[in-house]
PDB file of N, CA and C in Angstrom:
ATOM      1  N   MET A   1      -8.896 -16.733 -12.132  1.00  0.00           N
ATOM      2  CA  MET A   1     -10.173 -17.226 -11.403  1.00  0.00           C
ATOM      3  C   MET A   1     -10.378 -16.334 -10.274  1.00  0.00           C
ATOM      4  N   GLN A   2     -11.513 -15.993 -10.077  1.00  0.00           N
ATOM      5  CA  GLN A   2     -11.983 -15.089  -8.961  1.00  0.00           C
ATOM      6  C   GLN A   2     -12.211 -15.821  -7.670  1.00  0.00           C
ATOM      7  N   TYR A   3     -12.446 -15.204  -6.646  1.00  0.00           N
ATOM      8  CA  TYR A   3     -12.752 -15.920  -5.268  1.00  0.00           C
ATOM      9  C   TYR A   3     -14.040 -16.522  -5.484  1.00  0.00           C
ATOM     10  N   THR A   4     -14.355 -17.610  -4.768  1.00  0.00           N
ATOM     11  CA  THR A   4     -15.622 -18.116  -4.593  1.00  0.00           C
ATOM     12  C   THR A   4     -16.481 -17.316  -3.685  1.00  0.00           C
ATOM     13  N   ASP A   5     -17.757 -17.580  -3.684  1.00  0.00           N
ATOM     14  CA  ASP A   5     -18.560 -16.764  -2.724  1.00  0.00           C
ATOM     15  C   ASP A   5     -18.110 -16.987  -1.211  1.00  0.00           C
ATOM     16  N   ALA A   6     -17.837 -18.231  -0.973  1.00  0.00           N
ATOM     17  CA  ALA A   6     -17.414 -18.487   0.492  1.00  0.00           C
ATOM     18  C   ALA A   6     -16.042 -17.755   0.801  1.00  0.00           C
ATOM     19  N   GLU A   7     -15.120 -17.929  -0.140  1.00  0.00           N
ATOM     20  CA  GLU A   7     -13.857 -17.292   0.127  1.00  0.00           C
ATOM     21  C   GLU A   7     -13.880 -15.780   0.238  1.00  0.00           C
ATOM     22  N   ARG A   8     -14.663 -15.194  -0.627  1.00  0.00           N
ATOM     23  CA  ARG A   8     -14.999 -13.730  -0.484  1.00  0.00           C
ATOM     24  C   ARG A   8     -15.663 -13.282   0.833  1.00  0.00           C
ATOM     25  N   ARG A   9     -16.637 -14.116   1.166  1.00  0.00           N
ATOM     26  CA  ARG A   9     -17.386 -13.868   2.471  1.00  0.00           C
ATOM     27  C   ARG A   9     -16.353 -13.828   3.684  1.00  0.00           C
ATOM     28  N   LYS A  10     -15.492 -14.930   3.630  1.00  0.00           N
ATOM     29  CA  LYS A  10     -14.507 -14.969   4.712  1.00  0.00           C
ATOM     30  C   LYS A  10     -13.517 -13.783   4.758  1.00  0.00           C
ATOM     31  N   LEU A  11     -13.117 -13.370   3.582  1.00  0.00           N
ATOM     32  CA  LEU A  11     -12.130 -12.298   3.519  1.00  0.00           C
ATOM     33  C   LEU A  11     -13.056 -10.924   3.960  1.00  0.00           C
ATOM     34  N   VAL A  12     -14.153 -10.705   3.561  1.00  0.00           N
ATOM     35  CA  VAL A  12     -15.004  -9.595   3.944  1.00  0.00           C
ATOM     36  C   VAL A  12     -15.190  -9.597   5.439  1.00  0.00           C
ATOM     37  N   ASN A  13     -15.479 -10.798   6.073  1.00  0.00           N
ATOM     38  CA  ASN A  13     -15.707 -10.858   7.471  1.00  0.00           C
ATOM     39  C   ASN A  13     -14.454 -10.492   8.230  1.00  0.00           C
ATOM     40  N   ARG A  14     -13.273 -10.972   7.716  1.00  0.00           N
ATOM     41  CA  ARG A  14     -12.030 -10.751   8.305  1.00  0.00           C
ATOM     42  C   ARG A  14     -11.776  -9.165   8.260  1.00  0.00           C
ATOM     43  N   LEU A  15     -12.035  -8.567   7.198  1.00  0.00           N
ATOM     44  CA  LEU A  15     -11.842  -7.076   7.092  1.00  0.00           C
ATOM     45  C   LEU A  15     -12.693  -6.332   8.000  1.00  0.00           C
ATOM     46  N   SER A  16     -13.916  -6.835   8.196  1.00  0.00           N
ATOM     47  CA  SER A  16     -14.827  -6.278   9.127  1.00  0.00           C
ATOM     48  C   SER A  16     -14.342  -6.372  10.490  1.00  0.00           C
ATOM     49  N   ARG A  17     -13.726  -7.490  10.977  1.00  0.00           N
ATOM     50  CA  ARG A  17     -13.059  -7.704  12.185  1.00  0.00           C
ATOM     51  C   ARG A  17     -11.969  -6.709  12.391  1.00  0.00           C
ATOM     52  N   ILE A  18     -11.159  -6.657  11.432  1.00  0.00           N
ATOM     53  CA  ILE A  18     -10.053  -5.722  11.389  1.00  0.00           C
ATOM     54  C   ILE A  18     -10.539  -4.166  11.573  1.00  0.00           C
ATOM     55  N   ARG A  19     -11.555  -3.849  10.892  1.00  0.00           N
ATOM     56  CA  ARG A  19     -12.076  -2.439  11.033  1.00  0.00           C
ATOM     57  C   ARG A  19     -12.502  -2.361  12.503  1.00  0.00           C
ATOM     58  N   GLY A  20     -13.229  -3.231  13.077  1.00  0.00           N
ATOM     59  CA  GLY A  20     -13.643  -3.231  14.587  1.00  0.00           C
ATOM     60  C   GLY A  20     -12.431  -3.087  15.468  1.00  0.00           C
ATOM     61  N   GLN A  21     -11.356  -3.713  15.183  1.00  0.00           N
ATOM     62  CA  GLN A  21     -10.122  -3.616  15.988  1.00  0.00           C
ATOM     63  C   GLN A  21      -9.517  -2.307  15.838  1.00  0.00           C
ATOM     64  N   LEU A  22      -9.515  -1.730  14.624  1.00  0.00           N
ATOM     65  CA  LEU A  22      -8.963  -0.385  14.485  1.00  0.00           C
ATOM     66  C   LEU A  22      -9.819   0.697  15.161  1.00  0.00           C
ATOM     67  N   GLU A  23     -11.120   0.534  15.102  1.00  0.00           N
ATOM     68  CA  GLU A  23     -11.986   1.466  15.743  1.00  0.00           C
ATOM     69  C   GLU A  23     -11.872   1.354  17.430  1.00  0.00           C
ATOM     70  N   ALA A  24     -11.668   0.052  17.768  1.00  0.00           N
ATOM     71  CA  ALA A  24     -11.463  -0.121  19.260  1.00  0.00           C
ATOM     72  C   ALA A  24     -10.127   0.650  19.588  1.00  0.00           C
ATOM     73  N   MET A  25      -9.070   0.418  18.848  1.00  0.00           N
ATOM     74  CA  MET A  25      -7.709   1.026  19.054  1.00  0.00           C
ATOM     75  C   MET A  25      -7.902   2.567  19.102  1.00  0.00           C
ATOM     76  N   GLN A  26      -8.631   3.086  18.177  1.00  0.00           N
ATOM     77  CA  GLN A  26      -8.867   4.544  18.200  1.00  0.00           C
ATOM     78  C   GLN A  26      -9.497   5.016  19.393  1.00  0.00           C
ATOM     79  N   GLY A  27     -10.612   4.250  19.782  1.00  0.00           N
ATOM     80  CA  GLY A  27     -11.364   4.653  21.042  1.00  0.00           C
ATOM     81  C   GLY A  27     -10.529   4.536  22.234  1.00  0.00           C
ATOM     82  N   ALA A  28      -9.629   3.518  22.330  1.00  0.00           N
ATOM     83  CA  ALA A  28      -8.736   3.426  23.400  1.00  0.00           C
ATOM     84  C   ALA A  28      -7.766   4.534  23.450  1.00  0.00           C
ATOM     85  N   LEU A  29      -7.334   4.917  22.367  1.00  0.00           N
ATOM     86  CA  LEU A  29      -6.360   6.095  22.376  1.00  0.00           C
ATOM     87  C   LEU A  29      -7.027   7.410  22.824  1.00  0.00           C
ATOM     88  N   THR A  30      -8.158   7.509  22.378  1.00  0.00           N
ATOM     89  CA  THR A  30      -8.959   8.720  22.759  1.00  0.00           C
ATOM     90  C   THR A  30      -9.253   8.791  24.239  1.00  0.00           C
ATOM     91  N   GLN A  31      -9.357   7.555  24.682  1.00  0.00           N
ATOM     92  CA  GLN A  31      -9.629   7.559  26.244  1.00  0.00           C
ATOM     93  C   GLN A  31      -8.389   7.478  27.040  1.00  0.00           C
ATOM     94  N   ASP A  32      -7.231   7.850  26.448  1.00  0.00           N
ATOM     95  CA  ASP A  32      -5.974   7.741  27.107  1.00  0.00           C
ATOM     96  C   ASP A  32      -5.581   6.422  27.704  1.00  0.00           C
ATOM     97  N   ALA A  33      -5.791   5.300  26.897  1.00  0.00           N
ATOM     98  CA  ALA A  33      -5.525   4.003  27.445  1.00  0.00           C
ATOM     99  C   ALA A  33      -3.971   3.849  27.611  1.00  0.00           C
ATOM    100  N   PRO A  34      -3.633   2.908  28.417  1.00  0.00           N
ATOM    101  CA  PRO A  34      -2.045   2.729  28.702  1.00  0.00           C
ATOM    102  C   PRO A  34      -1.553   2.253  27.369  1.00  0.00           C
ATOM    103  N   CYS A  35      -0.204   2.740  27.304  1.00  0.00           N
ATOM    104  CA  CYS A  35       0.552   2.297  26.134  1.00  0.00           C
ATOM    105  C   CYS A  35       0.496   0.842  25.872  1.00  0.00           C
ATOM    106  N   ALA A  36       0.641  -0.087  26.950  1.00  0.00           N
ATOM    107  CA  ALA A  36       0.765  -1.370  26.823  1.00  0.00           C
ATOM    108  C   ALA A  36      -0.522  -1.970  26.166  1.00  0.00           C
ATOM    109  N   ALA A  37      -1.791  -1.418  26.513  1.00  0.00           N
ATOM    110  CA  ALA A  37      -2.977  -1.699  25.814  1.00  0.00           C
ATOM    111  C   ALA A  37      -3.027  -1.479  24.458  1.00  0.00           C
ATOM    112  N   LEU A  38      -2.591  -0.327  24.152  1.00  0.00           N
ATOM    113  CA  LEU A  38      -2.564   0.153  22.658  1.00  0.00           C
ATOM    114  C   LEU A  38      -1.608  -0.838  21.937  1.00  0.00           C
ATOM    115  N   ILE A  39      -0.530  -1.139  22.428  1.00  0.00           N
ATOM    116  CA  ILE A  39       0.473  -2.080  21.701  1.00  0.00           C
ATOM    117  C   ILE A  39      -0.183  -3.322  21.630  1.00  0.00           C
ATOM    118  N   GLN A  40      -0.794  -3.914  22.566  1.00  0.00           N
ATOM    119  CA  GLN A  40      -1.527  -5.118  22.413  1.00  0.00           C
ATOM    120  C   GLN A  40      -2.518  -5.166  21.385  1.00  0.00           C
ATOM    121  N   GLN A  41      -3.439  -4.104  21.403  1.00  0.00           N
ATOM    122  CA  GLN A  41      -4.363  -3.950  20.308  1.00  0.00           C
ATOM    123  C   GLN A  41      -3.754  -3.854  18.869  1.00  0.00           C
ATOM    124  N   ALA A  42      -2.700  -3.048  18.940  1.00  0.00           N
ATOM    125  CA  ALA A  42      -1.906  -2.754  17.618  1.00  0.00           C
ATOM    126  C   ALA A  42      -1.481  -4.094  16.981  1.00  0.00           C
ATOM    127  N   THR A  43      -0.833  -4.842  17.864  1.00  0.00           N
ATOM    128  CA  THR A  43      -0.288  -6.139  17.468  1.00  0.00           C
ATOM    129  C   THR A  43      -1.280  -7.226  17.061  1.00  0.00           C
ATOM    130  N   ALA A  44      -2.443  -7.155  17.643  1.00  0.00           N
ATOM    131  CA  ALA A  44      -3.587  -8.089  17.309  1.00  0.00           C
ATOM    132  C   ALA A  44      -4.027  -7.679  16.054  1.00  0.00           C
ATOM    133  N   CYS A  45      -4.189  -6.402  15.731  1.00  0.00           N
ATOM    134  CA  CYS A  45      -4.667  -5.839  14.512  1.00  0.00           C
ATOM    135  C   CYS A  45      -3.579  -6.273  13.377  1.00  0.00           C
ATOM    136  N   ARG A  46      -2.371  -6.011  13.719  1.00  0.00           N
ATOM    137  CA  ARG A  46      -1.336  -6.382  12.639  1.00  0.00           C
ATOM    138  C   ARG A  46      -1.428  -7.867  12.336  1.00  0.00           C
ATOM    139  N   GLY A  47      -1.581  -8.737  13.388  1.00  0.00           N
ATOM    140  CA  GLY A  47      -1.610 -10.225  13.053  1.00  0.00           C
ATOM    141  C   GLY A  47      -2.882 -10.464  12.183  1.00  0.00           C
ATOM    142  N   ALA A  48      -4.042  -9.761  12.447  1.00  0.00           N
ATOM    143  CA  ALA A  48      -5.237 -10.036  11.566  1.00  0.00           C
ATOM    144  C   ALA A  48      -4.879  -9.495  10.070  1.00  0.00           C
ATOM    145  N   VAL A  49      -4.266  -8.444   9.940  1.00  0.00           N
ATOM    146  CA  VAL A  49      -3.890  -7.897   8.592  1.00  0.00           C
ATOM    147  C   VAL A  49      -2.846  -8.877   7.916  1.00  0.00           C
ATOM    148  N   ASP A  50      -1.945  -9.307   8.695  1.00  0.00           N
ATOM    149  CA  ASP A  50      -1.022 -10.352   8.213  1.00  0.00           C
ATOM    150  C   ASP A  50      -1.637 -11.673   7.752  1.00  0.00           C
ATOM    151  N   GLY A  51      -2.787 -12.146   8.548  1.00  0.00           N
ATOM    152  CA  GLY A  51      -3.506 -13.261   8.059  1.00  0.00           C
ATOM    153  C   GLY A  51      -4.311 -13.022   6.880  1.00  0.00           C
ATOM    154  N   PHE A  52      -4.840 -11.745   6.668  1.00  0.00           N
ATOM    155  CA  PHE A  52      -5.448 -11.412   5.433  1.00  0.00           C
ATOM    156  C   PHE A  52      -4.626 -11.513   4.241  1.00  0.00           C
ATOM    157  N   ILE A  53      -3.433 -10.862   4.446  1.00  0.00           N
ATOM    158  CA  ILE A  53      -2.445 -10.896   3.337  1.00  0.00           C
ATOM    159  C   ILE A  53      -2.020 -12.295   2.993  1.00  0.00           C
ATOM    160  N   ALA A  54      -1.735 -13.237   3.940  1.00  0.00           N
ATOM    161  CA  ALA A  54      -1.298 -14.503   3.823  1.00  0.00           C
ATOM    162  C   ALA A  54      -2.385 -15.284   3.014  1.00  0.00           C
ATOM    163  N   THR A  55      -3.720 -15.003   3.194  1.00  0.00           N
ATOM    164  CA  THR A  55      -4.746 -15.768   2.474  1.00  0.00           C
ATOM    165  C   THR A  55      -4.720 -15.284   1.096  1.00  0.00           C
ATOM    166  N   VAL A  56      -4.609 -13.917   0.876  1.00  0.00           N
ATOM    167  CA  VAL A  56      -4.675 -13.366  -0.583  1.00  0.00           C
ATOM    168  C   VAL A  56      -3.531 -13.806  -1.365  1.00  0.00           C
ATOM    169  N   VAL A  57      -2.366 -14.002  -0.708  1.00  0.00           N
ATOM    170  CA  VAL A  57      -1.005 -14.356  -1.308  1.00  0.00           C
ATOM    171  C   VAL A  57      -1.280 -15.794  -1.687  1.00  0.00           C
ATOM    172  N   GLU A  58      -1.842 -16.594  -0.786  1.00  0.00           N
ATOM    173  CA  GLU A  58      -1.940 -18.044  -1.118  1.00  0.00           C
ATOM    174  C   GLU A  58      -2.883 -18.235  -2.214  1.00  0.00           C
ATOM    175  N   HIS A  59      -3.973 -17.463  -2.309  1.00  0.00           N
ATOM    176  CA  HIS A  59      -4.919 -17.664  -3.420  1.00  0.00           C
ATOM    177  C   HIS A  59      -4.254 -17.156  -4.712  1.00  0.00           C
ATOM    178  N   HIS A  60      -3.477 -16.208  -4.697  1.00  0.00           N
ATOM    179  CA  HIS A  60      -2.672 -15.683  -5.936  1.00  0.00           C
ATOM    180  C   HIS A  60      -1.751 -16.822  -6.437  1.00  0.00           C
ATOM    181  N   ILE A  61      -0.935 -17.359  -5.507  1.00  0.00           N
ATOM    182  CA  ILE A  61      -0.102 -18.473  -5.913  1.00  0.00           C
ATOM    183  C   ILE A  61      -0.878 -19.666  -6.535  1.00  0.00           C
ATOM    184  N   ARG A  62      -1.897 -20.047  -5.799  1.00  0.00           N
ATOM    185  CA  ARG A  62      -2.689 -21.260  -6.266  1.00  0.00           C
ATOM    186  C   ARG A  62      -3.395 -21.024  -7.609  1.00  0.00           C
ATOM    187  N   GLN A  63      -3.965 -19.743  -7.827  1.00  0.00           N
ATOM    188  CA  GLN A  63      -4.719 -19.516  -8.893  1.00  0.00           C
ATOM    189  C   GLN A  63      -3.938 -18.986 -10.112  1.00  0.00           C
ATOM    190  N   HIS A  64      -2.801 -18.305  -9.870  1.00  0.00           N
ATOM    191  CA  HIS A  64      -2.067 -17.655 -11.038  1.00  0.00           C
ATOM    192  C   HIS A  64      -0.763 -18.228 -11.115  1.00  0.00           C
ATOM    193  N   VAL A  65      -0.026 -18.520 -10.145  1.00  0.00           N
ATOM    194  CA  VAL A  65       1.404 -18.956 -10.300  1.00  0.00           C
ATOM    195  C   VAL A  65       1.553 -20.444 -10.540  1.00  0.00           C
ATOM    196  N   ALA A  66       0.837 -21.284  -9.719  1.00  0.00           N
ATOM    197  CA  ALA A  66       0.997 -22.652  -9.757  1.00  0.00           C
ATOM    198  C   ALA A  66      -0.090 -23.374 -10.571  1.00  0.00           C
ATOM    199  N   ALA A  67      -0.977 -22.620 -11.050  1.00  0.00           N
ATOM    200  CA  ALA A  67      -2.108 -23.237 -11.810  1.00  0.00           C
ATOM    201  C   ALA A  67      -1.676 -23.805 -13.180  1.00  0.00           C
ATOM    202  N   PRO A  68      -1.872 -25.123 -13.435  1.00  0.00           N
ATOM    203  CA  PRO A  68      -1.434 -25.645 -14.657  1.00  0.00           C
ATOM    204  C   PRO A  68      -2.259 -25.104 -15.877  1.00  0.00           C
ATOM    205  N   GLN A  69      -3.508 -24.595 -15.670  1.00  0.00           N
ATOM    206  CA  GLN A  69      -4.247 -24.179 -16.718  1.00  0.00           C
ATOM    207  C   GLN A  69      -3.749 -22.817 -17.301  1.00  0.00           C
ATOM    208  N   GLN A  70      -2.849 -22.197 -16.476  1.00  0.00           N
ATOM    209  CA  GLN A  70      -2.406 -20.846 -16.920  1.00  0.00           C
ATOM    210  C   GLN A  70      -1.283 -21.119 -17.885  1.00  0.00           C
ATOM    211  N   GLY A  71      -1.053 -20.404 -18.872  1.00  0.00           N
ATOM    212  CA  GLY A  71       0.039 -20.604 -19.788  1.00  0.00           C
ATOM    213  C   GLY A  71       1.376 -20.217 -19.024  1.00  0.00           C
ATOM    214  N   GLU A  72       2.484 -20.622 -19.530  1.00  0.00           N
ATOM    215  CA  GLU A  72       3.768 -20.356 -18.807  1.00  0.00           C
ATOM    216  C   GLU A  72       4.027 -18.926 -18.750  1.00  0.00           C
ATOM    217  N   ARG A  73       3.763 -18.145 -19.765  1.00  0.00           N
ATOM    218  CA  ARG A  73       3.930 -16.651 -19.659  1.00  0.00           C
ATOM    219  C   ARG A  73       3.076 -16.014 -18.664  1.00  0.00           C
ATOM    220  N   ALA A  74       1.767 -16.415 -18.522  1.00  0.00           N
ATOM    221  CA  ALA A  74       0.877 -15.901 -17.551  1.00  0.00           C
ATOM    222  C   ALA A  74       1.348 -16.176 -16.212  1.00  0.00           C
ATOM    223  N   ARG A  75       1.838 -17.412 -15.940  1.00  0.00           N
ATOM    224  CA  ARG A  75       2.374 -17.772 -14.666  1.00  0.00           C
ATOM    225  C   ARG A  75       3.537 -17.036 -14.320  1.00  0.00           C
ATOM    226  N   ALA A  76       4.471 -16.834 -15.184  1.00  0.00           N
ATOM    227  CA  ALA A  76       5.728 -15.890 -14.979  1.00  0.00           C
ATOM    228  C   ALA A  76       5.308 -14.556 -14.701  1.00  0.00           C
ATOM    229  N   GLU A  77       4.314 -13.979 -15.280  1.00  0.00           N
ATOM    230  CA  GLU A  77       3.848 -12.611 -15.022  1.00  0.00           C
ATOM    231  C   GLU A  77       3.278 -12.455 -13.701  1.00  0.00           C
ATOM    232  N   ALA A  78       2.512 -13.493 -13.271  1.00  0.00           N
ATOM    233  CA  ALA A  78       1.768 -13.492 -12.096  1.00  0.00           C
ATOM    234  C   ALA A  78       2.890 -13.686 -10.822  1.00  0.00           C
ATOM    235  N   ALA A  79       3.924 -14.497 -11.144  1.00  0.00           N
ATOM    236  CA  ALA A  79       5.015 -14.607 -10.070  1.00  0.00           C
ATOM    237  C   ALA A  79       5.666 -13.314  -9.966  1.00  0.00           C
ATOM    238  N   GLU A  80       6.034 -12.655 -11.080  1.00  0.00           N
ATOM    239  CA  GLU A  80       6.711 -11.267 -11.012  1.00  0.00           C
ATOM    240  C   GLU A  80       5.915 -10.364 -10.315  1.00  0.00           C
ATOM    241  N   GLU A  81       4.607 -10.253 -10.556  1.00  0.00           N
ATOM    242  CA  GLU A  81       3.716  -9.455  -9.891  1.00  0.00           C
ATOM    243  C   GLU A  81       3.599  -9.659  -8.379  1.00  0.00           C
ATOM    244  N   LEU A  82       3.681 -10.910  -7.993  1.00  0.00           N
ATOM    245  CA  LEU A  82       3.684 -11.158  -6.544  1.00  0.00           C
ATOM    246  C   LEU A  82       4.992 -10.833  -5.869  1.00  0.00           C
ATOM    247  N   ILE A  83       6.094 -11.081  -6.603  1.00  0.00           N
ATOM    248  CA  ILE A  83       7.479 -10.721  -6.047  1.00  0.00           C
ATOM    249  C   ILE A  83       7.535  -9.240  -5.850  1.00  0.00           C
ATOM    250  N   ARG A  84       7.015  -8.392  -6.774  1.00  0.00           N
ATOM    251  CA  ARG A  84       6.967  -6.880  -6.601  1.00  0.00           C
ATOM    252  C   ARG A  84       6.230  -6.495  -5.361  1.00  0.00           C
ATOM    253  N   VAL A  85       4.957  -7.071  -5.240  1.00  0.00           N
ATOM    254  CA  VAL A  85       4.127  -6.747  -4.150  1.00  0.00           C
ATOM    255  C   VAL A  85       4.697  -7.172  -2.782  1.00  0.00           C
ATOM    256  N   VAL A  86       5.271  -8.303  -2.757  1.00  0.00           N
ATOM    257  CA  VAL A  86       5.830  -8.878  -1.443  1.00  0.00           C
ATOM    258  C   VAL A  86       7.104  -8.017  -1.126  1.00  0.00           C
ATOM    259  N   HIS A  87       7.923  -7.726  -2.104  1.00  0.00           N
ATOM    260  CA  HIS A  87       9.023  -6.914  -1.880  1.00  0.00           C
ATOM    261  C   HIS A  87       8.711  -5.506  -1.346  1.00  0.00           C
ATOM    262  N   ALA A  88       7.726  -4.886  -1.918  1.00  0.00           N
ATOM    263  CA  ALA A  88       7.254  -3.583  -1.414  1.00  0.00           C
ATOM    264  C   ALA A  88       6.649  -3.693  -0.024  1.00  0.00           C
ATOM    265  N   TYR A  89       5.985  -4.826   0.208  1.00  0.00           N
ATOM    266  CA  TYR A  89       5.573  -5.053   1.593  1.00  0.00           C
ATOM    267  C   TYR A  89       6.695  -5.120   2.638  1.00  0.00           C
ATOM    268  N   LEU A  90       7.679  -5.896   2.271  1.00  0.00           N
ATOM    269  CA  LEU A  90       8.731  -6.240   3.301  1.00  0.00           C
ATOM    270  C   LEU A  90       9.879  -5.136   3.399  1.00  0.00           C
ATOM    271  N   THR A  91       9.850  -4.168   2.379  1.00  0.00           N
ATOM    272  CA  THR A  91      10.820  -3.254   2.486  1.00  0.00           C
ATOM    273  C   THR A  91      10.382  -1.810   2.720  1.00  0.00           C
TER     274      THR A  91
END
């Protein structure tokens, strides 16, 4: 199952905010902003990306891993796919 229009819109909006945060961080760096300001902006951006990832992971689990309409094999493959992605992200 794909994303609903509302879900897709929320994710696109979140990515637009992240893009804005990255551009602000680039501008701050270009203007020789203090290290603390850059770190604060970077951690805010990281939090936004982590939130995006959490939303997509949740969707994947609900739609592909825990969905009763999926066959057992499809659910197992979706779980393995998620494990590979999460492992790559964390290591």
